[in-house]
């Protein structure tokens, strides 16, 4: 543990990489770092020991030219070895982000970006049926979370690529269960609202 703490301090400018290593270490994963050609570094963490058939937990590729930046695909698997998240980066700018229904391995969501700005999103039920296709103008639109059967679980307004406004949660019958307020991607608590009121 002292070794990792010392290493984290020494390489503080590589915060993203170190946080990934420390997170894997804290969860008892075995992390493999392999260096390839063209200054590309592969980071792969395993759930339990790789030699004992450990399941891959995360995998990503980074550019090691002066600083670590995400380049290529970053992936996450669940404890059963099923791919659940996948993102693609170019020079640390996201191009696409996908999530999958673990039990059917079908797409759950697909987000497309241009120059790091969200442009469109696809939302699917557990069988891969497209339920919503949302276009974002200047990063503005609606984001959805769905139940496996395709019914809306939650929805929230997105402004400039961040949650902003009411986030509404529903039950399977479409009844509103709860609401949250977001401001520029941050969830607003009652105390935040009071502070905002008195600052006017």
N, C-alpha and C. Protein backbone atom coordinates (compact mmCIF):
# COMPACT_ATOMS: atom_id res chain seq x y z
N UNK A 1 0.83 -1.21 0.00
CA UNK A 1 0.00 0.00 0.00
C UNK A 1 0.87 1.25 0.00
N UNK A 2 1.95 1.24 0.84
CA UNK A 2 2.85 2.39 0.87
C UNK A 2 3.50 2.62 -0.48
N UNK A 3 3.79 1.51 -1.18
CA UNK A 3 4.39 1.62 -2.51
C UNK A 3 3.46 2.35 -3.47
N UNK A 4 2.19 1.98 -3.45
CA UNK A 4 1.23 2.61 -4.35
C UNK A 4 1.01 4.07 -3.99
N UNK A 5 0.98 4.38 -2.69
CA UNK A 5 0.82 5.77 -2.28
C UNK A 5 1.99 6.61 -2.72
N UNK A 6 3.20 6.06 -2.58
CA UNK A 6 4.40 6.77 -3.00
C UNK A 6 4.41 6.97 -4.51
N UNK A 7 4.02 5.91 -5.23
CA UNK A 7 4.00 5.98 -6.68
C UNK A 7 2.97 7.01 -7.16
N UNK A 8 1.83 7.06 -6.45
CA UNK A 8 0.80 8.03 -6.82
C UNK A 8 1.29 9.45 -6.65
N UNK A 9 2.04 9.70 -5.56
CA UNK A 9 2.55 11.04 -5.30
C UNK A 9 3.59 11.43 -6.33
N UNK A 10 4.48 10.47 -6.67
CA UNK A 10 5.56 10.75 -7.61
C UNK A 10 5.03 11.05 -9.00
N UNK A 11 3.97 10.32 -9.39
CA UNK A 11 3.41 10.50 -10.73
C UNK A 11 2.07 11.21 -10.66
N UNK A 12 2.00 12.29 -9.89
CA UNK A 12 0.74 12.97 -9.65
C UNK A 12 0.11 13.51 -10.93
N UNK A 13 0.91 13.79 -11.94
CA UNK A 13 0.34 14.34 -13.17
C UNK A 13 -0.41 13.28 -13.96
N UNK A 14 -0.22 12.00 -13.57
CA UNK A 14 -0.95 10.93 -14.25
C UNK A 14 -2.16 10.53 -13.40
N UNK A 15 -2.96 11.49 -13.00
CA UNK A 15 -4.04 11.23 -12.04
C UNK A 15 -5.01 10.18 -12.52
N UNK A 16 -5.41 10.26 -13.77
CA UNK A 16 -6.42 9.31 -14.26
C UNK A 16 -5.90 7.89 -14.19
N UNK A 17 -4.66 7.69 -14.64
CA UNK A 17 -4.06 6.36 -14.62
C UNK A 17 -3.93 5.85 -13.20
N UNK A 18 -3.43 6.69 -12.31
CA UNK A 18 -3.18 6.26 -10.94
C UNK A 18 -4.48 5.95 -10.21
N UNK A 19 -5.52 6.75 -10.47
CA UNK A 19 -6.79 6.46 -9.85
C UNK A 19 -7.32 5.11 -10.28
N UNK A 20 -7.10 4.77 -11.53
CA UNK A 20 -7.54 3.47 -12.04
C UNK A 20 -6.78 2.33 -11.36
N UNK A 21 -5.47 2.51 -11.19
CA UNK A 21 -4.66 1.48 -10.54
C UNK A 21 -5.04 1.34 -9.08
N UNK A 22 -5.18 2.48 -8.38
CA UNK A 22 -5.53 2.43 -6.97
C UNK A 22 -6.90 1.82 -6.74
N UNK A 23 -7.84 2.13 -7.65
CA UNK A 23 -9.19 1.57 -7.54
C UNK A 23 -9.15 0.06 -7.70
N UNK A 24 -8.39 -0.42 -8.69
CA UNK A 24 -8.28 -1.84 -8.91
C UNK A 24 -7.60 -2.52 -7.73
N UNK A 25 -6.54 -1.89 -7.20
CA UNK A 25 -5.82 -2.46 -6.06
C UNK A 25 -6.72 -2.56 -4.83
N UNK A 26 -7.50 -1.50 -4.58
CA UNK A 26 -8.37 -1.46 -3.41
C UNK A 26 -9.43 -2.55 -3.47
N UNK A 27 -9.86 -2.91 -4.68
CA UNK A 27 -10.89 -3.94 -4.82
C UNK A 27 -10.30 -5.34 -4.90
N UNK A 28 -9.00 -5.45 -4.77
CA UNK A 28 -8.36 -6.76 -4.77
C UNK A 28 -8.13 -7.31 -6.16
N UNK A 29 -8.14 -6.46 -7.17
CA UNK A 29 -7.90 -6.92 -8.53
C UNK A 29 -6.40 -7.01 -8.78
N UNK A 30 -6.04 -7.83 -9.75
CA UNK A 30 -4.66 -7.89 -10.21
C UNK A 30 -4.58 -7.05 -11.47
N UNK A 31 -3.74 -6.01 -11.49
CA UNK A 31 -3.68 -5.10 -12.61
C UNK A 31 -2.44 -5.36 -13.45
N UNK A 32 -2.64 -5.54 -14.76
CA UNK A 32 -1.56 -5.76 -15.70
C UNK A 32 -1.37 -4.52 -16.53
N UNK A 33 -0.13 -4.02 -16.60
CA UNK A 33 0.19 -2.87 -17.44
C UNK A 33 1.20 -3.34 -18.48
N UNK A 34 0.84 -3.29 -19.74
CA UNK A 34 1.75 -3.72 -20.79
C UNK A 34 2.01 -2.56 -21.73
N UNK A 35 3.27 -2.37 -22.10
CA UNK A 35 3.67 -1.27 -22.96
C UNK A 35 3.89 -1.79 -24.38
N UNK A 36 3.19 -1.17 -25.33
CA UNK A 36 3.35 -1.57 -26.72
C UNK A 36 4.14 -0.55 -27.48
N UNK A 37 4.12 -0.67 -28.81
CA UNK A 37 4.86 0.27 -29.64
C UNK A 37 4.06 1.55 -29.81
N UNK A 38 4.67 2.53 -30.42
CA UNK A 38 4.04 3.82 -30.72
C UNK A 38 3.53 4.53 -29.48
N UNK A 39 4.21 4.31 -28.34
CA UNK A 39 3.86 5.00 -27.10
C UNK A 39 2.42 4.75 -26.65
N UNK A 40 1.89 3.59 -26.96
CA UNK A 40 0.55 3.22 -26.51
C UNK A 40 0.67 2.27 -25.33
N UNK A 41 -0.05 2.60 -24.26
CA UNK A 41 -0.02 1.80 -23.04
C UNK A 41 -1.38 1.14 -22.84
N UNK A 42 -1.37 -0.15 -22.59
CA UNK A 42 -2.61 -0.86 -22.32
C UNK A 42 -2.73 -1.09 -20.82
N UNK A 43 -3.87 -0.72 -20.26
CA UNK A 43 -4.15 -0.94 -18.85
C UNK A 43 -5.27 -1.96 -18.77
N UNK A 44 -5.03 -3.05 -18.07
CA UNK A 44 -6.07 -4.08 -17.92
C UNK A 44 -6.11 -4.55 -16.48
N UNK A 45 -7.27 -4.53 -15.88
CA UNK A 45 -7.41 -5.01 -14.51
C UNK A 45 -8.28 -6.26 -14.50
N UNK A 46 -7.93 -7.18 -13.60
CA UNK A 46 -8.66 -8.45 -13.49
C UNK A 46 -9.38 -8.54 -12.16
N UNK A 47 -10.53 -9.17 -12.19
CA UNK A 47 -11.23 -9.51 -10.95
C UNK A 47 -10.61 -10.80 -10.44
N UNK A 48 -9.83 -10.70 -9.38
CA UNK A 48 -9.05 -11.81 -8.83
C UNK A 48 -7.81 -12.05 -9.70
N UNK A 49 -7.07 -13.09 -9.42
CA UNK A 49 -5.78 -13.34 -10.07
C UNK A 49 -5.98 -13.84 -11.49
N UNK A 50 -5.28 -13.20 -12.44
CA UNK A 50 -5.37 -13.59 -13.85
C UNK A 50 -4.98 -15.05 -14.03
N UNK A 51 -3.94 -15.53 -13.30
CA UNK A 51 -3.46 -16.90 -13.45
C UNK A 51 -4.48 -17.93 -12.97
N UNK A 52 -5.43 -17.47 -12.14
CA UNK A 52 -6.46 -18.37 -11.63
C UNK A 52 -7.78 -18.21 -12.41
N UNK A 53 -7.65 -17.68 -13.61
CA UNK A 53 -8.83 -17.51 -14.44
C UNK A 53 -9.64 -16.28 -14.12
N UNK A 54 -8.97 -15.25 -13.61
CA UNK A 54 -9.67 -14.02 -13.23
C UNK A 54 -10.36 -13.39 -14.42
N UNK A 55 -11.54 -12.85 -14.19
CA UNK A 55 -12.32 -12.18 -15.22
C UNK A 55 -11.81 -10.76 -15.38
N UNK A 56 -11.70 -10.30 -16.62
CA UNK A 56 -11.27 -8.92 -16.87
C UNK A 56 -12.31 -7.97 -16.31
N UNK A 57 -11.84 -6.95 -15.58
CA UNK A 57 -12.74 -5.92 -15.06
C UNK A 57 -12.77 -4.69 -15.93
N UNK A 58 -11.58 -4.18 -16.29
CA UNK A 58 -11.49 -2.99 -17.14
C UNK A 58 -10.32 -3.14 -18.09
N UNK A 59 -10.41 -2.41 -19.19
CA UNK A 59 -9.31 -2.40 -20.16
C UNK A 59 -9.35 -1.06 -20.88
N UNK A 60 -8.18 -0.46 -21.06
CA UNK A 60 -8.13 0.81 -21.78
C UNK A 60 -6.77 1.01 -22.41
N UNK A 61 -6.73 1.89 -23.39
CA UNK A 61 -5.48 2.21 -24.08
C UNK A 61 -5.21 3.69 -23.90
N UNK A 62 -3.94 4.00 -23.66
CA UNK A 62 -3.56 5.38 -23.35
C UNK A 62 -2.32 5.76 -24.16
N UNK A 63 -2.25 7.02 -24.51
CA UNK A 63 -1.10 7.57 -25.22
C UNK A 63 -0.07 8.02 -24.19
N UNK A 64 1.14 7.52 -24.28
CA UNK A 64 2.17 7.81 -23.28
C UNK A 64 3.17 8.85 -23.77
N UNK A 65 2.75 9.71 -24.68
CA UNK A 65 3.63 10.75 -25.20
C UNK A 65 3.53 11.99 -24.30
N UNK A 66 4.39 12.07 -23.32
CA UNK A 66 4.46 13.16 -22.33
C UNK A 66 3.40 13.06 -21.24
N UNK A 67 2.21 12.64 -21.57
CA UNK A 67 1.17 12.49 -20.55
C UNK A 67 0.23 11.37 -20.98
N UNK A 68 -0.48 10.81 -20.01
CA UNK A 68 -1.41 9.75 -20.33
C UNK A 68 -2.74 10.34 -20.77
N UNK A 69 -3.17 9.99 -21.96
CA UNK A 69 -4.48 10.36 -22.46
C UNK A 69 -5.14 9.12 -23.05
N UNK A 70 -6.45 9.05 -22.92
CA UNK A 70 -7.17 7.90 -23.45
C UNK A 70 -7.14 7.92 -24.98
N UNK A 71 -6.88 6.76 -25.56
CA UNK A 71 -6.78 6.67 -27.01
C UNK A 71 -7.22 5.26 -27.42
N UNK A 72 -8.32 5.19 -28.17
CA UNK A 72 -8.86 3.88 -28.53
C UNK A 72 -10.01 3.51 -27.60
N UNK A 73 -10.25 2.21 -27.48
CA UNK A 73 -11.40 1.75 -26.69
C UNK A 73 -11.06 1.56 -25.21
N UNK A 74 -12.00 1.96 -24.37
CA UNK A 74 -11.97 1.64 -22.94
C UNK A 74 -13.20 0.80 -22.67
N UNK A 75 -13.02 -0.32 -21.94
CA UNK A 75 -14.11 -1.26 -21.74
C UNK A 75 -14.24 -1.67 -20.28
N UNK A 76 -15.47 -2.00 -19.89
CA UNK A 76 -15.75 -2.50 -18.55
C UNK A 76 -16.62 -3.75 -18.64
N UNK A 77 -16.26 -4.75 -17.83
CA UNK A 77 -17.03 -5.99 -17.76
C UNK A 77 -17.60 -6.17 -16.35
N UNK A 78 -18.70 -6.89 -16.24
CA UNK A 78 -19.22 -7.20 -14.90
C UNK A 78 -18.54 -8.44 -14.35
N UNK A 79 -18.98 -8.89 -13.16
CA UNK A 79 -18.31 -10.00 -12.49
C UNK A 79 -18.47 -11.33 -13.22
N UNK A 80 -19.41 -11.39 -14.17
CA UNK A 80 -19.61 -12.62 -14.94
C UNK A 80 -18.86 -12.59 -16.26
N UNK A 81 -18.11 -11.52 -16.49
CA UNK A 81 -17.33 -11.42 -17.71
C UNK A 81 -18.11 -10.89 -18.90
N UNK A 82 -19.25 -10.27 -18.65
CA UNK A 82 -20.08 -9.71 -19.73
C UNK A 82 -19.75 -8.23 -19.93
N UNK A 83 -19.49 -7.86 -21.17
CA UNK A 83 -19.19 -6.46 -21.48
C UNK A 83 -20.42 -5.60 -21.20
N UNK A 84 -20.26 -4.54 -20.39
CA UNK A 84 -21.39 -3.67 -20.05
C UNK A 84 -21.18 -2.22 -20.48
N UNK A 85 -19.93 -1.77 -20.61
CA UNK A 85 -19.65 -0.41 -21.07
C UNK A 85 -18.48 -0.42 -22.05
N UNK A 86 -18.57 0.45 -23.05
CA UNK A 86 -17.48 0.59 -24.00
C UNK A 86 -17.46 2.03 -24.52
N UNK A 87 -16.30 2.66 -24.46
CA UNK A 87 -16.14 4.02 -24.96
C UNK A 87 -14.95 4.07 -25.90
N UNK A 88 -15.01 4.99 -26.85
CA UNK A 88 -13.91 5.16 -27.79
C UNK A 88 -13.42 6.60 -27.72
N UNK A 89 -12.09 6.76 -27.62
CA UNK A 89 -11.48 8.07 -27.47
C UNK A 89 -10.43 8.30 -28.55
N UNK A 90 -10.24 9.56 -28.90
CA UNK A 90 -9.13 10.00 -29.73
C UNK A 90 -8.47 11.17 -29.04
N UNK A 91 -7.22 10.98 -28.63
CA UNK A 91 -6.51 12.04 -27.90
C UNK A 91 -7.32 12.54 -26.71
N UNK A 92 -7.90 11.62 -25.98
CA UNK A 92 -8.65 11.87 -24.75
C UNK A 92 -9.99 12.56 -24.99
N UNK A 93 -10.44 12.64 -26.23
CA UNK A 93 -11.75 13.20 -26.55
C UNK A 93 -12.68 12.05 -26.92
N UNK A 94 -13.82 11.97 -26.27
CA UNK A 94 -14.74 10.85 -26.49
C UNK A 94 -15.40 10.96 -27.86
N UNK A 95 -15.48 9.83 -28.57
CA UNK A 95 -16.15 9.74 -29.86
C UNK A 95 -17.50 9.03 -29.73
N UNK A 96 -17.54 8.02 -28.88
CA UNK A 96 -18.77 7.26 -28.69
C UNK A 96 -18.74 6.57 -27.34
N UNK A 97 -19.93 6.32 -26.82
CA UNK A 97 -20.05 5.61 -25.55
C UNK A 97 -21.25 4.68 -25.65
N UNK A 98 -21.03 3.39 -25.38
CA UNK A 98 -22.08 2.38 -25.46
C UNK A 98 -22.25 1.67 -24.14
N UNK A 99 -23.48 1.29 -23.83
CA UNK A 99 -23.75 0.41 -22.70
C UNK A 99 -24.60 -0.75 -23.19
N UNK A 100 -24.54 -1.88 -22.44
CA UNK A 100 -25.21 -3.09 -22.89
C UNK A 100 -26.05 -3.69 -21.76
N UNK A 101 -27.18 -4.30 -22.13
CA UNK A 101 -27.95 -5.07 -21.17
C UNK A 101 -27.16 -6.33 -20.84
N UNK A 102 -26.83 -6.53 -19.57
CA UNK A 102 -25.96 -7.64 -19.20
C UNK A 102 -26.58 -9.00 -19.49
N UNK A 103 -27.89 -9.13 -19.31
CA UNK A 103 -28.52 -10.44 -19.45
C UNK A 103 -28.80 -10.83 -20.89
N UNK A 104 -28.88 -9.87 -21.81
CA UNK A 104 -29.12 -10.20 -23.22
C UNK A 104 -27.93 -9.84 -24.11
N UNK A 105 -26.99 -9.04 -23.56
CA UNK A 105 -25.81 -8.59 -24.30
C UNK A 105 -26.16 -7.72 -25.50
N UNK A 106 -27.36 -7.16 -25.49
CA UNK A 106 -27.80 -6.24 -26.53
C UNK A 106 -27.47 -4.80 -26.11
N UNK A 107 -27.47 -3.91 -27.11
CA UNK A 107 -27.25 -2.50 -26.78
C UNK A 107 -28.33 -2.01 -25.82
N UNK A 108 -27.90 -1.21 -24.83
CA UNK A 108 -28.84 -0.50 -23.96
C UNK A 108 -28.89 0.97 -24.37
N UNK A 109 -27.72 1.57 -24.53
CA UNK A 109 -27.63 2.95 -25.03
C UNK A 109 -26.42 3.08 -25.95
N UNK A 110 -26.52 4.03 -26.88
CA UNK A 110 -25.38 4.37 -27.74
C UNK A 110 -25.36 5.89 -27.88
N UNK A 111 -24.23 6.49 -27.49
CA UNK A 111 -24.07 7.94 -27.60
C UNK A 111 -22.97 8.24 -28.62
N UNK A 112 -23.26 9.18 -29.51
CA UNK A 112 -22.31 9.59 -30.53
C UNK A 112 -21.88 11.04 -30.29
N UNK A 113 -20.58 11.30 -30.43
CA UNK A 113 -20.03 12.62 -30.16
C UNK A 113 -19.24 13.13 -31.37
N UNK A 114 -19.11 14.43 -31.45
CA UNK A 114 -18.25 15.07 -32.44
C UNK A 114 -17.45 16.14 -31.72
N UNK A 115 -16.13 16.01 -31.80
CA UNK A 115 -15.24 16.93 -31.09
C UNK A 115 -15.56 16.98 -29.60
N UNK A 116 -15.97 15.86 -29.05
CA UNK A 116 -16.26 15.77 -27.63
C UNK A 116 -17.65 16.23 -27.23
N UNK A 117 -18.43 16.72 -28.20
CA UNK A 117 -19.78 17.21 -27.92
C UNK A 117 -20.82 16.19 -28.37
N UNK A 118 -21.79 15.89 -27.50
CA UNK A 118 -22.80 14.90 -27.83
C UNK A 118 -23.66 15.37 -28.99
N UNK A 119 -23.90 14.45 -29.96
CA UNK A 119 -24.68 14.79 -31.14
C UNK A 119 -25.98 13.99 -31.23
N UNK A 120 -25.94 12.72 -30.88
CA UNK A 120 -27.15 11.91 -30.92
C UNK A 120 -27.01 10.71 -30.00
N UNK A 121 -28.16 10.15 -29.65
CA UNK A 121 -28.17 9.00 -28.75
C UNK A 121 -29.28 8.04 -29.15
N UNK A 122 -29.05 6.76 -28.90
CA UNK A 122 -30.00 5.71 -29.21
C UNK A 122 -30.29 4.95 -27.91
N UNK A 123 -31.56 4.66 -27.66
CA UNK A 123 -31.97 3.98 -26.44
C UNK A 123 -32.77 2.74 -26.81
N UNK A 124 -32.37 1.58 -26.25
CA UNK A 124 -32.93 0.30 -26.66
C UNK A 124 -33.55 -0.46 -25.48
N UNK A 125 -34.50 -1.37 -25.81
CA UNK A 125 -34.99 -2.27 -24.78
C UNK A 125 -34.05 -3.48 -24.71
N UNK A 126 -34.35 -4.44 -23.84
CA UNK A 126 -33.47 -5.57 -23.60
C UNK A 126 -33.29 -6.48 -24.82
N UNK A 127 -34.19 -6.39 -25.78
CA UNK A 127 -34.11 -7.23 -26.98
C UNK A 127 -33.46 -6.52 -28.16
N UNK A 128 -32.95 -5.31 -27.91
CA UNK A 128 -32.28 -4.57 -28.97
C UNK A 128 -33.20 -3.73 -29.83
N UNK A 129 -34.47 -3.58 -29.42
CA UNK A 129 -35.40 -2.74 -30.18
C UNK A 129 -35.16 -1.28 -29.85
N UNK A 130 -35.01 -0.45 -30.87
CA UNK A 130 -34.79 0.98 -30.67
C UNK A 130 -36.07 1.64 -30.16
N UNK A 131 -35.99 2.29 -28.99
CA UNK A 131 -37.14 2.95 -28.39
C UNK A 131 -37.11 4.46 -28.65
N UNK A 132 -35.97 5.08 -28.43
CA UNK A 132 -35.82 6.52 -28.67
C UNK A 132 -34.53 6.77 -29.47
N UNK A 133 -34.62 7.73 -30.37
CA UNK A 133 -33.44 8.22 -31.09
C UNK A 133 -33.43 9.73 -30.90
N UNK A 134 -32.50 10.22 -30.11
CA UNK A 134 -32.48 11.63 -29.72
C UNK A 134 -31.34 12.37 -30.41
N UNK A 135 -31.66 13.49 -31.04
CA UNK A 135 -30.65 14.36 -31.61
C UNK A 135 -30.41 15.52 -30.66
N UNK A 136 -29.15 15.89 -30.50
CA UNK A 136 -28.79 16.98 -29.59
C UNK A 136 -28.27 18.16 -30.42
N UNK A 137 -28.93 19.30 -30.26
CA UNK A 137 -28.50 20.51 -30.96
C UNK A 137 -27.72 21.36 -29.99
N UNK A 138 -26.46 21.58 -30.31
CA UNK A 138 -25.57 22.34 -29.42
C UNK A 138 -25.51 21.70 -28.03
N UNK A 139 -25.60 20.39 -27.99
CA UNK A 139 -25.51 19.68 -26.72
C UNK A 139 -26.78 19.67 -25.92
N UNK A 140 -27.91 20.11 -26.54
CA UNK A 140 -29.18 20.19 -25.83
C UNK A 140 -30.14 19.12 -26.32
N UNK A 141 -30.81 18.45 -25.36
CA UNK A 141 -31.76 17.41 -25.72
C UNK A 141 -32.31 16.73 -24.48
N UNK A 142 -32.74 15.47 -24.62
CA UNK A 142 -33.29 14.69 -23.52
C UNK A 142 -32.48 13.41 -23.38
N UNK A 143 -32.16 13.05 -22.14
CA UNK A 143 -31.49 11.78 -21.85
C UNK A 143 -32.49 10.87 -21.15
N UNK A 144 -32.42 9.55 -21.48
CA UNK A 144 -33.38 8.60 -20.94
C UNK A 144 -32.68 7.43 -20.26
N UNK A 145 -33.38 6.86 -19.28
CA UNK A 145 -33.03 5.57 -18.73
C UNK A 145 -34.25 4.69 -18.87
N UNK A 146 -34.09 3.45 -19.34
CA UNK A 146 -35.23 2.59 -19.63
C UNK A 146 -35.25 1.34 -18.77
N UNK A 147 -36.44 0.84 -18.52
CA UNK A 147 -36.60 -0.50 -17.97
C UNK A 147 -36.30 -1.50 -19.08
N UNK A 148 -36.00 -2.75 -18.74
CA UNK A 148 -35.70 -3.74 -19.79
C UNK A 148 -36.76 -3.86 -20.88
N UNK A 149 -38.05 -3.64 -20.52
CA UNK A 149 -39.11 -3.75 -21.52
C UNK A 149 -39.26 -2.50 -22.38
N UNK A 150 -38.43 -1.48 -22.13
CA UNK A 150 -38.44 -0.28 -22.95
C UNK A 150 -39.24 0.87 -22.37
N UNK A 151 -39.93 0.66 -21.26
CA UNK A 151 -40.66 1.75 -20.62
C UNK A 151 -39.67 2.72 -19.96
N UNK A 152 -40.07 3.98 -19.88
CA UNK A 152 -39.17 4.99 -19.33
C UNK A 152 -38.99 4.80 -17.82
N UNK A 153 -37.75 4.72 -17.40
CA UNK A 153 -37.41 4.63 -15.98
C UNK A 153 -37.11 6.02 -15.43
N UNK A 154 -36.42 6.83 -16.22
CA UNK A 154 -36.15 8.22 -15.86
C UNK A 154 -35.85 9.01 -17.13
N UNK A 155 -36.01 10.32 -17.02
CA UNK A 155 -35.62 11.21 -18.12
C UNK A 155 -35.19 12.54 -17.54
N UNK A 156 -34.31 13.22 -18.25
CA UNK A 156 -33.78 14.49 -17.76
C UNK A 156 -33.38 15.34 -18.96
N UNK A 157 -33.54 16.64 -18.83
CA UNK A 157 -33.11 17.58 -19.86
C UNK A 157 -31.60 17.72 -19.83
N UNK A 158 -31.01 17.80 -21.01
CA UNK A 158 -29.56 18.00 -21.14
C UNK A 158 -29.31 19.33 -21.82
N UNK A 159 -28.46 20.16 -21.21
CA UNK A 159 -28.06 21.43 -21.80
C UNK A 159 -26.55 21.51 -21.83
N UNK A 160 -26.02 21.81 -23.01
CA UNK A 160 -24.57 21.88 -23.21
C UNK A 160 -23.89 20.58 -22.77
N UNK A 161 -24.57 19.46 -23.01
CA UNK A 161 -23.99 18.16 -22.71
C UNK A 161 -24.08 17.74 -21.25
N UNK A 162 -24.75 18.53 -20.40
CA UNK A 162 -24.85 18.20 -18.98
C UNK A 162 -26.31 18.18 -18.53
N UNK A 163 -26.60 17.36 -17.53
CA UNK A 163 -27.95 17.32 -16.97
C UNK A 163 -28.28 18.70 -16.40
N UNK A 164 -29.48 19.18 -16.74
CA UNK A 164 -29.86 20.51 -16.25
C UNK A 164 -31.39 20.57 -16.19
N UNK A 165 -31.92 20.76 -14.99
CA UNK A 165 -33.36 20.80 -14.83
C UNK A 165 -33.86 19.59 -14.06
N UNK A 166 -35.13 19.26 -14.24
CA UNK A 166 -35.74 18.15 -13.52
C UNK A 166 -35.34 16.79 -14.07
N UNK A 167 -34.96 15.88 -13.19
CA UNK A 167 -34.77 14.48 -13.54
C UNK A 167 -35.91 13.72 -12.87
N UNK A 168 -36.76 13.12 -13.69
CA UNK A 168 -37.98 12.48 -13.20
C UNK A 168 -37.86 10.97 -13.29
N UNK A 169 -38.18 10.29 -12.19
CA UNK A 169 -38.15 8.83 -12.13
C UNK A 169 -39.57 8.28 -12.13
N UNK A 170 -39.77 7.18 -12.87
CA UNK A 170 -41.09 6.57 -13.01
C UNK A 170 -41.05 5.10 -12.56
N UNK A 171 -42.25 4.58 -12.19
CA UNK A 171 -42.35 3.14 -11.99
C UNK A 171 -42.75 2.51 -13.32
N UNK A 172 -42.94 1.21 -13.34
CA UNK A 172 -43.22 0.51 -14.59
C UNK A 172 -44.59 0.86 -15.17
N UNK A 173 -45.45 1.45 -14.35
CA UNK A 173 -46.78 1.86 -14.83
C UNK A 173 -46.81 3.31 -15.29
N UNK A 174 -45.66 3.97 -15.25
CA UNK A 174 -45.58 5.34 -15.72
C UNK A 174 -45.90 6.38 -14.67
N UNK A 175 -46.04 5.95 -13.41
CA UNK A 175 -46.31 6.90 -12.33
C UNK A 175 -45.01 7.53 -11.84
N UNK A 176 -45.04 8.83 -11.58
CA UNK A 176 -43.85 9.52 -11.09
C UNK A 176 -43.53 9.07 -9.66
N UNK A 177 -42.29 8.68 -9.43
CA UNK A 177 -41.85 8.20 -8.12
C UNK A 177 -41.07 9.26 -7.35
N UNK A 178 -40.20 9.99 -8.06
CA UNK A 178 -39.41 11.03 -7.41
C UNK A 178 -38.82 11.95 -8.46
N UNK A 179 -38.35 13.09 -7.99
CA UNK A 179 -37.74 14.07 -8.88
C UNK A 179 -36.48 14.63 -8.24
N UNK A 180 -35.49 14.91 -9.09
CA UNK A 180 -34.29 15.60 -8.65
C UNK A 180 -34.11 16.82 -9.53
N UNK A 181 -33.38 17.78 -9.01
CA UNK A 181 -33.05 18.98 -9.78
C UNK A 181 -31.54 18.97 -10.05
N UNK A 182 -31.17 19.19 -11.31
CA UNK A 182 -29.76 19.29 -11.69
C UNK A 182 -29.48 20.68 -12.23
N UNK A 183 -28.29 21.16 -11.94
CA UNK A 183 -27.84 22.44 -12.46
C UNK A 183 -26.43 22.27 -13.00
N UNK A 184 -26.29 22.36 -14.32
CA UNK A 184 -25.00 22.20 -15.00
C UNK A 184 -24.30 20.91 -14.59
N UNK A 185 -25.07 19.81 -14.57
CA UNK A 185 -24.51 18.50 -14.28
C UNK A 185 -24.43 18.14 -12.82
N UNK A 186 -24.74 19.08 -11.93
CA UNK A 186 -24.65 18.83 -10.50
C UNK A 186 -26.04 18.68 -9.90
N UNK A 187 -26.22 17.62 -9.10
CA UNK A 187 -27.49 17.39 -8.41
C UNK A 187 -27.64 18.42 -7.30
N UNK A 188 -28.75 19.14 -7.30
CA UNK A 188 -28.99 20.20 -6.33
C UNK A 188 -29.74 19.65 -5.12
N UNK A 189 -29.21 19.88 -3.94
CA UNK A 189 -29.84 19.45 -2.70
C UNK A 189 -30.70 20.58 -2.14
N UNK A 190 -31.61 20.28 -1.20
CA UNK A 190 -32.41 21.36 -0.59
C UNK A 190 -31.57 22.49 -0.01
N UNK A 191 -30.43 22.14 0.60
CA UNK A 191 -29.57 23.18 1.17
C UNK A 191 -29.00 24.08 0.07
N UNK A 192 -28.72 23.50 -1.10
CA UNK A 192 -28.23 24.29 -2.23
C UNK A 192 -29.30 25.29 -2.67
N UNK A 193 -30.56 24.85 -2.68
CA UNK A 193 -31.65 25.73 -3.09
C UNK A 193 -31.81 26.90 -2.12
N UNK A 194 -31.64 26.61 -0.82
CA UNK A 194 -31.74 27.66 0.20
C UNK A 194 -30.63 28.69 0.01
N UNK A 195 -29.40 28.20 -0.22
CA UNK A 195 -28.26 29.09 -0.44
C UNK A 195 -28.50 29.96 -1.68
N UNK A 196 -29.04 29.33 -2.74
CA UNK A 196 -29.30 30.06 -3.97
C UNK A 196 -30.34 31.17 -3.74
N UNK A 197 -31.38 30.85 -2.92
CA UNK A 197 -32.43 31.81 -2.64
C UNK A 197 -31.89 33.03 -1.91
N UNK A 198 -31.06 32.79 -0.90
CA UNK A 198 -30.55 33.90 -0.09
C UNK A 198 -29.43 34.67 -0.79
N UNK A 199 -28.91 34.11 -1.88
CA UNK A 199 -27.86 34.82 -2.62
C UNK A 199 -28.43 35.78 -3.65
N UNK A 200 -29.76 35.72 -3.85
CA UNK A 200 -30.40 36.60 -4.83
C UNK A 200 -30.39 38.06 -4.35
